[in-house]
C-alpha atoms as a PDB file:
ATOM      1  CA  MET A   1      65.351 162.587-301.836  1.00  0.00           C
ATOM      2  CA  HIS A   2      64.904 165.806-299.819  1.00  0.00           C
ATOM      3  CA  ALA A   3      62.486 168.028-301.204  1.00  0.00           C
ATOM      4  CA  CYS A   4      61.679 171.780-299.650  1.00  0.00           C
ATOM      5  CA  SER A   5      58.200 172.220-298.154  1.00  0.00           C
ATOM      6  CA  ILE A   6      55.415 174.127-299.925  1.00  0.00           C
ATOM      7  CA  PRO A   7      54.963 177.830-298.528  1.00  0.00           C
ATOM      8  CA  PRO A   8      51.774 178.195-296.619  1.00  0.00           C
ATOM      9  CA  ALA A   9      50.752 180.886-298.897  1.00  0.00           C
ATOM     10  CA  ALA A  10      51.143 178.806-301.929  1.00  0.00           C
ATOM     11  CA  LEU A  11      48.777 176.259-299.981  1.00  0.00           C
ATOM     12  CA  ARG A  12      46.253 178.855-299.401  1.00  0.00           C
ATOM     13  CA  ASP A  13      46.172 180.431-302.721  1.00  0.00           C
ATOM     14  CA  GLU A  14      44.086 178.530-305.353  1.00  0.00           C
ATOM     15  CA  ASN A  15      45.986 180.500-308.211  1.00  0.00           C
ATOM     16  CA  ALA A  16      49.375 179.730-307.053  1.00  0.00           C
ATOM     17  CA  VAL A  17      51.844 178.523-309.646  1.00  0.00           C
ATOM     18  CA  GLU A  18      55.182 176.767-309.001  1.00  0.00           C
ATOM     19  CA  ILE A  19      57.577 178.385-311.397  1.00  0.00           C
ATOM     20  CA  ALA A  20      60.891 176.760-310.670  1.00  0.00           C
ATOM     21  CA  ARG A  21      62.298 173.482-308.780  1.00  0.00           C
ATOM     22  CA  VAL A  22      66.355 173.312-308.250  1.00  0.00           C
ATOM     23  CA  TRP A  23      68.130 170.150-307.475  1.00  0.00           C
ATOM     24  CA  ILE A  24      71.618 169.084-306.596  1.00  0.00           C
ATOM     25  CA  ALA A  25      71.823 165.688-308.144  1.00  0.00           C
ATOM     26  CA  GLU A  26      74.371 163.574-309.621  1.00  0.00           C
ATOM     27  CA  GLN A  27      76.897 165.843-308.678  1.00  0.00           C
ATOM     28  CA  GLY A  28      75.405 168.791-310.643  1.00  0.00           C
ATOM     29  CA  LEU A  29      72.461 171.154-310.784  1.00  0.00           C
ATOM     30  CA  HIS A  30      69.299 170.186-312.199  1.00  0.00           C
ATOM     31  CA  CYS A  31      65.955 172.453-312.581  1.00  0.00           C
ATOM     32  CA  SER A  32      62.972 172.727-314.325  1.00  0.00           C
ATOM     33  CA  MET A  33      61.091 176.018-314.960  1.00  0.00           C
ATOM     34  CA  LYS A  34      57.878 177.239-316.250  1.00  0.00           C
ATOM     35  CA  ILE A  35      58.755 179.617-319.168  1.00  0.00           C
ATOM     36  CA  GLY A  36      56.517 181.603-320.796  1.00  0.00           C
ATOM     37  CA  LEU A  37      54.226 182.757-317.986  1.00  0.00           C
ATOM     38  CA  TYR A  38      54.814 186.184-318.615  1.00  0.00           C
ATOM     39  CA  ALA A  39      55.466 186.499-322.514  1.00  0.00           C
ATOM     40  CA  ALA A  40      51.709 186.232-323.305  1.00  0.00           C
ATOM     41  CA  GLU A  41      51.112 189.566-321.786  1.00  0.00           C
ATOM     42  CA  ASP A  42      53.361 191.665-323.725  1.00  0.00           C
ATOM     43  CA  GLY A  43      56.086 189.416-325.419  1.00  0.00           C
ATOM     44  CA  PRO A  44      59.715 188.148-324.616  1.00  0.00           C
ATOM     45  CA  GLU A  45      60.774 191.438-322.884  1.00  0.00           C
ATOM     46  CA  THR A  46      57.944 191.089-320.170  1.00  0.00           C
ATOM     47  CA  GLU A  47      59.087 187.464-319.618  1.00  0.00           C
ATOM     48  CA  ILE A  48      62.921 188.630-319.377  1.00  0.00           C
ATOM     49  CA  LYS A  49      62.075 191.153-316.896  1.00  0.00           C
ATOM     50  CA  ALA A  50      59.981 189.047-314.758  1.00  0.00           C
ATOM     51  CA  TRP A  51      62.617 186.394-314.148  1.00  0.00           C
ATOM     52  CA  GLY A  52      65.112 189.099-313.591  1.00  0.00           C
ATOM     53  CA  ILE A  53      62.761 190.405-310.918  1.00  0.00           C
ATOM     54  CA  ILE A  54      62.098 186.836-309.500  1.00  0.00           C
ATOM     55  CA  LEU A  55      66.094 186.170-309.295  1.00  0.00           C
ATOM     56  CA  ALA A  56      66.375 189.502-307.783  1.00  0.00           C
ATOM     57  CA  ASP A  57      63.722 188.715-305.256  1.00  0.00           C
ATOM     58  CA  LEU A  58      65.292 185.399-304.221  1.00  0.00           C
ATOM     59  CA  THR A  59      68.496 186.918-303.252  1.00  0.00           C
ATOM     60  CA  GLN A  60      66.667 188.949-300.934  1.00  0.00           C
ATOM     61  CA  HIS A  61      64.922 185.852-299.646  1.00  0.00           C
ATOM     62  CA  ILE A  62      67.953 183.962-299.277  1.00  0.00           C
ATOM     63  CA  ALA A  63      69.862 186.927-297.428  1.00  0.00           C
ATOM     64  CA  ASN A  64      66.879 186.793-295.210  1.00  0.00           C
ATOM     65  CA  ALA A  65      66.979 183.114-294.457  1.00  0.00           C
ATOM     66  CA  LEU A  66      70.728 183.137-293.936  1.00  0.00           C
ATOM     67  CA  SER A  67      70.527 185.959-291.784  1.00  0.00           C
ATOM     68  CA  ALA A  68      67.908 184.287-289.613  1.00  0.00           C
ATOM     69  CA  GLU A  69      70.071 181.249-289.412  1.00  0.00           C
ATOM     70  CA  GLY A  70      72.790 183.275-287.801  1.00  0.00           C
ATOM     71  CA  PHE A  71      75.034 183.890-291.037  1.00  0.00           C
ATOM     72  CA  GLY A  72      75.450 187.361-290.484  1.00  0.00           C
ATOM     73  CA  ALA A  73      73.877 190.830-291.028  1.00  0.00           C
ATOM     74  CA  ARG A  74      71.167 190.629-293.788  1.00  0.00           C
ATOM     75  CA  SER A  75      72.610 193.569-295.692  1.00  0.00           C
ATOM     76  CA  ASP A  76      76.114 192.014-295.577  1.00  0.00           C
ATOM     77  CA  LEU A  77      74.699 188.676-296.793  1.00  0.00           C
ATOM     78  CA  HIS A  78      72.565 190.268-299.597  1.00  0.00           C
ATOM     79  CA  GLU A  79      75.836 192.329-300.883  1.00  0.00           C
ATOM     80  CA  ALA A  80      77.911 188.919-300.724  1.00  0.00           C
ATOM     81  CA  LEU A  81      75.242 187.113-302.691  1.00  0.00           C
ATOM     82  CA  VAL A  82      75.061 189.539-305.666  1.00  0.00           C
ATOM     83  CA  GLU A  83      78.850 189.805-305.656  1.00  0.00           C
ATOM     84  CA  ALA A  84      79.055 185.982-305.782  1.00  0.00           C
ATOM     85  CA  LEU A  85      76.073 185.875-308.269  1.00  0.00           C
ATOM     86  CA  THR A  86      77.836 188.677-310.447  1.00  0.00           C
ATOM     87  CA  GLN A  87      81.268 186.565-310.562  1.00  0.00           C
ATOM     88  CA  GLU A  88      79.549 183.428-311.386  1.00  0.00           C
ATOM     89  CA  LEU A  89      77.810 185.277-314.286  1.00  0.00           C
ATOM     90  CA  ASN A  90      81.059 186.559-315.562  1.00  0.00           C
ATOM     91  CA  ASP A  91      83.395 183.619-315.019  1.00  0.00           C
ATOM     92  CA  PRO A  92      81.215 180.436-314.699  1.00  0.00           C
ATOM     93  CA  THR A  93      82.531 177.611-312.665  1.00  0.00           C
ATOM     94  CA  SER A  94      80.864 175.209-314.842  1.00  0.00           C
ATOM     95  CA  PRO A  95      78.904 175.499-317.991  1.00  0.00           C
ATOM     96  CA  ALA A  96      74.980 175.282-317.848  1.00  0.00           C
ATOM     97  CA  ARG A  97      74.076 172.239-319.874  1.00  0.00           C
ATOM     98  CA  GLY A  98      70.690 170.101-320.439  1.00  0.00           C
ATOM     99  CA  GLU A  99      67.960 170.064-322.654  1.00  0.00           C
ATOM    100  CA  TRP A 100      64.861 171.915-322.664  1.00  0.00           C
ATOM    101  CA  ALA A 101      61.641 169.723-321.829  1.00  0.00           C
ATOM    102  CA  SER A 102      58.483 170.755-323.678  1.00  0.00           C
ATOM    103  CA  LYS A 103      55.650 171.916-321.168  1.00  0.00           C
ATOM    104  CA  PRO A 104      53.582 169.346-319.488  1.00  0.00           C
ATOM    105  CA  SER A 105      50.218 169.184-320.926  1.00  0.00           C
END
């Protein structure tokens, strides 16, 4: 198993919360998520907006990392990521499958 490292800021912050893990395993995408973290504030609309922001921020971080690794200009990479995401959302290459596991106690 090859896990990613924990960011230094998460190690320093005693209030840090892991919100998602994403794995490629058994030839498919597998993930666990902390859902409901934001809904307690104002309801499901807040949760949905928060996840939209998280996904948007994640594309920024991916573009930054790809650019730092020499894949091209950050702005071009971000544009390509958004285009690829939009294409996948509109015409998925495979269905999202799986079950929702209850929150750990």
